[in-house]
Amino acid sequence: MDVVHRITVARVRTRYLKDLFEQWRGVIAAYDEGLVKGDAVLAAAVWRNVFRGAEDVDPVRLAMVVSYLRREVARVARLPEHVIASGHIGFGSPGDEKSTVLMESRLMKEPFAEPS
């Protein structure tokens, strides 16, 4: 019984680890797609994976996380490789993005025109 039980537990653990690895790859792929395709796609990935797809998510908070991700990815991309390899990298706060997110775009007052 003990031998059978250990095999069952090992199989369950292996299955869970495989599932977790697949989910992790999916999250990474979703964020990569968002970084390439734009803020709406990135926001959808953040909404699903960080905010668990909740219907009552504050759009300002969601936009702050998206803006934060863009800022930090750009900042890390400018760092020399030896700094990244050292592992001594600090990160800012998503809260620092609130003023950027709430800033009104000058284009918001322009009349909407169909593309020609």
N, C-alpha and C. Protein backbone atom coordinates (compact mmCIF):
# COMPACT_ATOMS: atom_id res chain seq x y z
N MET A 1 0.82 -1.19 0.00
CA MET A 1 0.00 0.00 0.00
C MET A 1 0.86 1.25 0.00
N ASP A 2 1.90 1.26 0.82
CA ASP A 2 2.79 2.41 0.92
C ASP A 2 3.45 2.70 -0.42
N VAL A 3 3.88 1.66 -1.10
CA VAL A 3 4.54 1.83 -2.39
C VAL A 3 3.53 2.40 -3.39
N VAL A 4 2.36 1.86 -3.42
CA VAL A 4 1.32 2.36 -4.33
C VAL A 4 0.97 3.80 -4.00
N HIS A 5 0.85 4.11 -2.72
CA HIS A 5 0.51 5.48 -2.30
C HIS A 5 1.58 6.47 -2.74
N ARG A 6 2.83 6.13 -2.57
CA ARG A 6 3.91 7.02 -2.99
C ARG A 6 3.89 7.26 -4.49
N ILE A 7 3.59 6.22 -5.23
CA ILE A 7 3.51 6.38 -6.69
C ILE A 7 2.37 7.31 -7.03
N THR A 8 1.24 7.15 -6.40
CA THR A 8 0.09 8.01 -6.65
C THR A 8 0.41 9.45 -6.30
N VAL A 9 1.02 9.68 -5.16
CA VAL A 9 1.38 11.03 -4.74
C VAL A 9 2.38 11.63 -5.72
N ALA A 10 3.36 10.85 -6.12
CA ALA A 10 4.35 11.34 -7.08
C ALA A 10 3.69 11.69 -8.41
N ARG A 11 2.75 10.88 -8.84
CA ARG A 11 2.05 11.17 -10.10
C ARG A 11 1.22 12.43 -9.99
N VAL A 12 0.53 12.57 -8.85
CA VAL A 12 -0.29 13.77 -8.64
C VAL A 12 0.61 15.00 -8.61
N ARG A 13 1.71 14.91 -7.87
CA ARG A 13 2.64 16.04 -7.79
C ARG A 13 3.20 16.39 -9.18
N THR A 14 3.58 15.39 -9.93
CA THR A 14 4.11 15.62 -11.27
C THR A 14 3.07 16.27 -12.16
N ARG A 15 1.83 15.81 -12.06
CA ARG A 15 0.76 16.40 -12.87
C ARG A 15 0.54 17.86 -12.49
N TYR A 16 0.53 18.15 -11.18
CA TYR A 16 0.35 19.53 -10.74
C TYR A 16 1.50 20.41 -11.20
N LEU A 17 2.72 19.91 -11.13
CA LEU A 17 3.87 20.69 -11.58
C LEU A 17 3.82 20.96 -13.08
N LYS A 18 3.38 19.97 -13.84
CA LYS A 18 3.24 20.17 -15.29
C LYS A 18 2.16 21.21 -15.57
N ASP A 19 1.05 21.13 -14.86
CA ASP A 19 -0.02 22.12 -15.04
C ASP A 19 0.47 23.53 -14.67
N LEU A 20 1.19 23.64 -13.56
CA LEU A 20 1.72 24.93 -13.13
C LEU A 20 2.69 25.49 -14.15
N PHE A 21 3.54 24.64 -14.70
CA PHE A 21 4.51 25.07 -15.71
C PHE A 21 3.79 25.57 -16.96
N GLU A 22 2.74 24.87 -17.39
CA GLU A 22 1.97 25.30 -18.56
C GLU A 22 1.28 26.64 -18.30
N GLN A 23 0.75 26.82 -17.11
CA GLN A 23 0.11 28.11 -16.76
C GLN A 23 1.14 29.23 -16.76
N TRP A 24 2.32 28.96 -16.21
CA TRP A 24 3.38 29.96 -16.17
C TRP A 24 3.79 30.36 -17.59
N ARG A 25 3.94 29.37 -18.47
CA ARG A 25 4.29 29.68 -19.86
C ARG A 25 3.18 30.50 -20.53
N GLY A 26 1.94 30.21 -20.22
CA GLY A 26 0.82 30.97 -20.77
C GLY A 26 0.82 32.41 -20.30
N VAL A 27 1.13 32.62 -19.02
CA VAL A 27 1.19 33.97 -18.48
C VAL A 27 2.31 34.76 -19.16
N ILE A 28 3.47 34.14 -19.27
CA ILE A 28 4.61 34.81 -19.92
C ILE A 28 4.27 35.13 -21.37
N ALA A 29 3.65 34.20 -22.08
CA ALA A 29 3.26 34.45 -23.47
C ALA A 29 2.25 35.59 -23.56
N ALA A 30 1.31 35.65 -22.63
CA ALA A 30 0.30 36.72 -22.63
C ALA A 30 0.95 38.08 -22.41
N TYR A 31 1.89 38.15 -21.47
CA TYR A 31 2.58 39.43 -21.22
C TYR A 31 3.46 39.82 -22.41
N ASP A 32 4.15 38.86 -22.99
CA ASP A 32 4.96 39.15 -24.17
C ASP A 32 4.10 39.67 -25.32
N GLU A 33 2.96 39.03 -25.53
CA GLU A 33 2.04 39.47 -26.58
C GLU A 33 1.57 40.89 -26.31
N GLY A 34 1.25 41.18 -25.05
CA GLY A 34 0.81 42.52 -24.69
C GLY A 34 1.88 43.57 -24.89
N LEU A 35 3.11 43.22 -24.58
CA LEU A 35 4.21 44.18 -24.77
C LEU A 35 4.41 44.49 -26.25
N VAL A 36 4.12 43.52 -27.11
CA VAL A 36 4.30 43.71 -28.55
C VAL A 36 3.07 44.36 -29.19
N LYS A 37 1.88 43.90 -28.83
CA LYS A 37 0.66 44.33 -29.52
C LYS A 37 0.02 45.59 -28.97
N GLY A 38 0.36 45.99 -27.75
CA GLY A 38 -0.18 47.24 -27.25
C GLY A 38 -0.78 47.14 -25.87
N ASP A 39 -1.13 48.32 -25.35
CA ASP A 39 -1.60 48.42 -23.97
C ASP A 39 -2.92 47.70 -23.73
N ALA A 40 -3.81 47.68 -24.71
CA ALA A 40 -5.09 46.99 -24.51
C ALA A 40 -4.87 45.49 -24.30
N VAL A 41 -3.98 44.90 -25.08
CA VAL A 41 -3.70 43.46 -24.95
C VAL A 41 -2.95 43.20 -23.64
N LEU A 42 -2.01 44.08 -23.29
CA LEU A 42 -1.28 43.93 -22.02
C LEU A 42 -2.24 44.09 -20.85
N ALA A 43 -3.15 45.05 -20.93
CA ALA A 43 -4.13 45.26 -19.86
C ALA A 43 -5.02 44.03 -19.70
N ALA A 44 -5.39 43.41 -20.80
CA ALA A 44 -6.22 42.19 -20.71
C ALA A 44 -5.46 41.07 -20.01
N ALA A 45 -4.17 40.94 -20.31
CA ALA A 45 -3.35 39.91 -19.65
C ALA A 45 -3.20 40.20 -18.16
N VAL A 46 -2.96 41.46 -17.82
CA VAL A 46 -2.84 41.85 -16.41
C VAL A 46 -4.17 41.63 -15.69
N TRP A 47 -5.25 42.01 -16.32
CA TRP A 47 -6.58 41.84 -15.72
C TRP A 47 -6.86 40.37 -15.41
N ARG A 48 -6.53 39.50 -16.37
CA ARG A 48 -6.76 38.06 -16.16
C ARG A 48 -5.85 37.47 -15.09
N ASN A 49 -4.57 37.84 -15.13
CA ASN A 49 -3.57 37.16 -14.31
C ASN A 49 -3.28 37.83 -12.97
N VAL A 50 -3.41 39.13 -12.88
CA VAL A 50 -3.15 39.82 -11.62
C VAL A 50 -4.45 40.06 -10.86
N PHE A 51 -5.47 40.52 -11.58
CA PHE A 51 -6.74 40.85 -10.94
C PHE A 51 -7.76 39.71 -11.03
N ARG A 52 -7.32 38.55 -11.53
CA ARG A 52 -8.14 37.33 -11.62
C ARG A 52 -9.44 37.52 -12.38
N GLY A 53 -9.44 38.45 -13.33
CA GLY A 53 -10.61 38.66 -14.16
C GLY A 53 -11.81 39.21 -13.42
N ALA A 54 -11.58 39.86 -12.30
CA ALA A 54 -12.70 40.41 -11.52
C ALA A 54 -13.40 41.52 -12.28
N GLU A 55 -14.71 41.54 -12.17
CA GLU A 55 -15.51 42.53 -12.90
C GLU A 55 -15.43 43.92 -12.29
N ASP A 56 -15.08 44.02 -11.02
CA ASP A 56 -15.09 45.31 -10.34
C ASP A 56 -13.71 45.96 -10.22
N VAL A 57 -12.80 45.62 -11.14
CA VAL A 57 -11.45 46.18 -11.10
C VAL A 57 -11.49 47.66 -11.45
N ASP A 58 -10.77 48.45 -10.66
CA ASP A 58 -10.64 49.88 -10.92
C ASP A 58 -9.77 50.07 -12.16
N PRO A 59 -10.31 50.66 -13.23
CA PRO A 59 -9.53 50.82 -14.47
C PRO A 59 -8.27 51.66 -14.28
N VAL A 60 -8.29 52.58 -13.32
CA VAL A 60 -7.09 53.40 -13.05
C VAL A 60 -5.98 52.50 -12.49
N ARG A 61 -6.33 51.63 -11.58
CA ARG A 61 -5.33 50.71 -11.02
C ARG A 61 -4.78 49.78 -12.09
N LEU A 62 -5.66 49.30 -12.96
CA LEU A 62 -5.23 48.43 -14.05
C LEU A 62 -4.27 49.19 -14.97
N ALA A 63 -4.61 50.41 -15.32
CA ALA A 63 -3.75 51.23 -16.17
C ALA A 63 -2.42 51.53 -15.48
N MET A 64 -2.44 51.70 -14.17
CA MET A 64 -1.20 51.95 -13.43
C MET A 64 -0.25 50.75 -13.52
N VAL A 65 -0.79 49.54 -13.42
CA VAL A 65 0.05 48.35 -13.53
C VAL A 65 0.62 48.23 -14.93
N VAL A 66 -0.20 48.49 -15.94
CA VAL A 66 0.27 48.42 -17.33
C VAL A 66 1.37 49.45 -17.56
N SER A 67 1.17 50.67 -17.11
CA SER A 67 2.17 51.72 -17.25
C SER A 67 3.45 51.36 -16.51
N TYR A 68 3.31 50.80 -15.32
CA TYR A 68 4.45 50.36 -14.52
C TYR A 68 5.25 49.29 -15.26
N LEU A 69 4.55 48.30 -15.81
CA LEU A 69 5.25 47.24 -16.54
C LEU A 69 6.03 47.80 -17.72
N ARG A 70 5.42 48.69 -18.47
CA ARG A 70 6.11 49.30 -19.61
C ARG A 70 7.35 50.08 -19.15
N ARG A 71 7.19 50.87 -18.10
CA ARG A 71 8.30 51.67 -17.58
C ARG A 71 9.46 50.79 -17.12
N GLU A 72 9.16 49.76 -16.35
CA GLU A 72 10.21 48.91 -15.80
C GLU A 72 10.87 48.05 -16.87
N VAL A 73 10.12 47.57 -17.84
CA VAL A 73 10.72 46.79 -18.94
C VAL A 73 11.68 47.68 -19.72
N ALA A 74 11.28 48.91 -20.01
CA ALA A 74 12.15 49.84 -20.74
C ALA A 74 13.39 50.17 -19.92
N ARG A 75 13.23 50.36 -18.62
CA ARG A 75 14.37 50.70 -17.76
C ARG A 75 15.36 49.55 -17.68
N VAL A 76 14.87 48.33 -17.49
CA VAL A 76 15.75 47.17 -17.41
C VAL A 76 16.45 46.93 -18.75
N ALA A 77 15.76 47.21 -19.85
CA ALA A 77 16.37 47.03 -21.17
C ALA A 77 17.57 47.95 -21.37
N ARG A 78 17.60 49.08 -20.68
CA ARG A 78 18.72 50.02 -20.81
C ARG A 78 19.89 49.70 -19.88
N LEU A 79 19.71 48.77 -18.96
CA LEU A 79 20.77 48.43 -18.01
C LEU A 79 21.85 47.59 -18.67
N PRO A 80 23.10 47.77 -18.26
CA PRO A 80 24.17 46.91 -18.77
C PRO A 80 23.97 45.47 -18.30
N GLU A 81 24.45 44.54 -19.09
CA GLU A 81 24.27 43.12 -18.76
C GLU A 81 24.85 42.75 -17.41
N HIS A 82 26.01 43.32 -17.04
CA HIS A 82 26.64 42.94 -15.78
C HIS A 82 25.78 43.36 -14.57
N VAL A 83 25.01 44.43 -14.72
CA VAL A 83 24.12 44.85 -13.63
C VAL A 83 22.97 43.86 -13.51
N ILE A 84 22.43 43.45 -14.63
CA ILE A 84 21.33 42.47 -14.61
C ILE A 84 21.83 41.15 -14.04
N ALA A 85 23.01 40.72 -14.47
CA ALA A 85 23.57 39.45 -14.01
C ALA A 85 23.87 39.47 -12.52
N SER A 86 24.16 40.64 -11.98
CA SER A 86 24.46 40.73 -10.55
C SER A 86 23.23 40.49 -9.70
N GLY A 87 22.06 40.74 -10.27
CA GLY A 87 20.82 40.54 -9.53
C GLY A 87 20.48 41.67 -8.59
N HIS A 88 21.24 42.74 -8.63
CA HIS A 88 21.00 43.89 -7.74
C HIS A 88 20.23 44.96 -8.49
N ILE A 89 18.97 44.65 -8.75
CA ILE A 89 18.12 45.58 -9.49
C ILE A 89 16.93 45.91 -8.60
N GLY A 90 16.70 47.18 -8.42
CA GLY A 90 15.52 47.60 -7.66
C GLY A 90 14.40 47.96 -8.62
N PHE A 91 13.20 47.92 -8.12
CA PHE A 91 12.05 48.28 -8.92
C PHE A 91 11.24 49.35 -8.21
N GLY A 92 10.62 50.20 -8.98
CA GLY A 92 9.79 51.25 -8.43
C GLY A 92 8.44 50.70 -7.98
N SER A 93 7.52 51.61 -7.80
CA SER A 93 6.18 51.26 -7.34
C SER A 93 5.17 51.56 -8.44
N PRO A 94 4.20 50.68 -8.62
CA PRO A 94 3.13 50.99 -9.58
C PRO A 94 2.38 52.27 -9.20
N GLY A 95 2.37 52.61 -7.92
CA GLY A 95 1.71 53.83 -7.47
C GLY A 95 2.31 55.09 -8.07
N ASP A 96 3.59 55.02 -8.47
CA ASP A 96 4.25 56.16 -9.10
C ASP A 96 3.64 56.52 -10.45
N GLU A 97 2.85 55.63 -11.01
CA GLU A 97 2.27 55.83 -12.33
C GLU A 97 0.94 56.57 -12.31
N LYS A 98 0.40 56.82 -11.14
CA LYS A 98 -0.95 57.39 -11.05
C LYS A 98 -1.05 58.72 -11.78
N SER A 99 -0.08 59.62 -11.60
CA SER A 99 -0.15 60.93 -12.26
C SER A 99 -0.08 60.77 -13.78
N THR A 100 0.71 59.82 -14.24
CA THR A 100 0.80 59.58 -15.69
C THR A 100 -0.53 59.06 -16.23
N VAL A 101 -1.12 58.13 -15.51
CA VAL A 101 -2.38 57.52 -15.95
C VAL A 101 -3.52 58.54 -15.94
N LEU A 102 -3.53 59.41 -14.95
CA LEU A 102 -4.62 60.38 -14.83
C LEU A 102 -4.42 61.63 -15.69
N MET A 103 -3.24 61.77 -16.29
CA MET A 103 -2.97 62.94 -17.14
C MET A 103 -3.88 62.90 -18.37
N GLU A 104 -4.55 64.00 -18.62
CA GLU A 104 -5.47 64.05 -19.76
C GLU A 104 -4.67 64.27 -21.05
N SER A 105 -4.95 63.45 -22.02
CA SER A 105 -4.29 63.59 -23.32
C SER A 105 -4.89 64.77 -24.07
N ARG A 106 -4.04 65.53 -24.73
CA ARG A 106 -4.54 66.67 -25.51
C ARG A 106 -5.41 66.21 -26.67
N LEU A 107 -5.20 64.97 -27.10
CA LEU A 107 -5.98 64.45 -28.22
C LEU A 107 -7.41 64.08 -27.83
N MET A 108 -7.68 63.99 -26.52
CA MET A 108 -9.03 63.66 -26.07
C MET A 108 -10.04 64.74 -26.42
N LYS A 109 -9.58 65.97 -26.61
CA LYS A 109 -10.48 67.08 -26.93
C LYS A 109 -10.67 67.26 -28.43
N GLU A 110 -9.87 66.55 -29.20
CA GLU A 110 -9.99 66.63 -30.65
C GLU A 110 -11.22 65.85 -31.11
N PRO A 111 -11.92 66.36 -32.11
CA PRO A 111 -13.09 65.61 -32.62
C PRO A 111 -12.61 64.30 -33.28
N PHE A 112 -13.43 63.29 -33.13
CA PHE A 112 -13.12 62.00 -33.72
C PHE A 112 -13.39 62.06 -35.22
N ALA A 113 -12.46 61.59 -36.00
CA ALA A 113 -12.63 61.56 -37.46
C ALA A 113 -12.34 60.16 -37.96
N GLU A 114 -13.13 59.72 -38.88
CA GLU A 114 -12.91 58.41 -39.49
C GLU A 114 -11.61 58.45 -40.28
N PRO A 115 -10.84 57.35 -40.25
CA PRO A 115 -9.61 57.32 -41.05
C PRO A 115 -9.94 57.39 -42.53
N SER A 116 -9.12 58.11 -43.25
CA SER A 116 -9.40 58.27 -44.69
C SER A 116 -8.77 57.18 -45.50
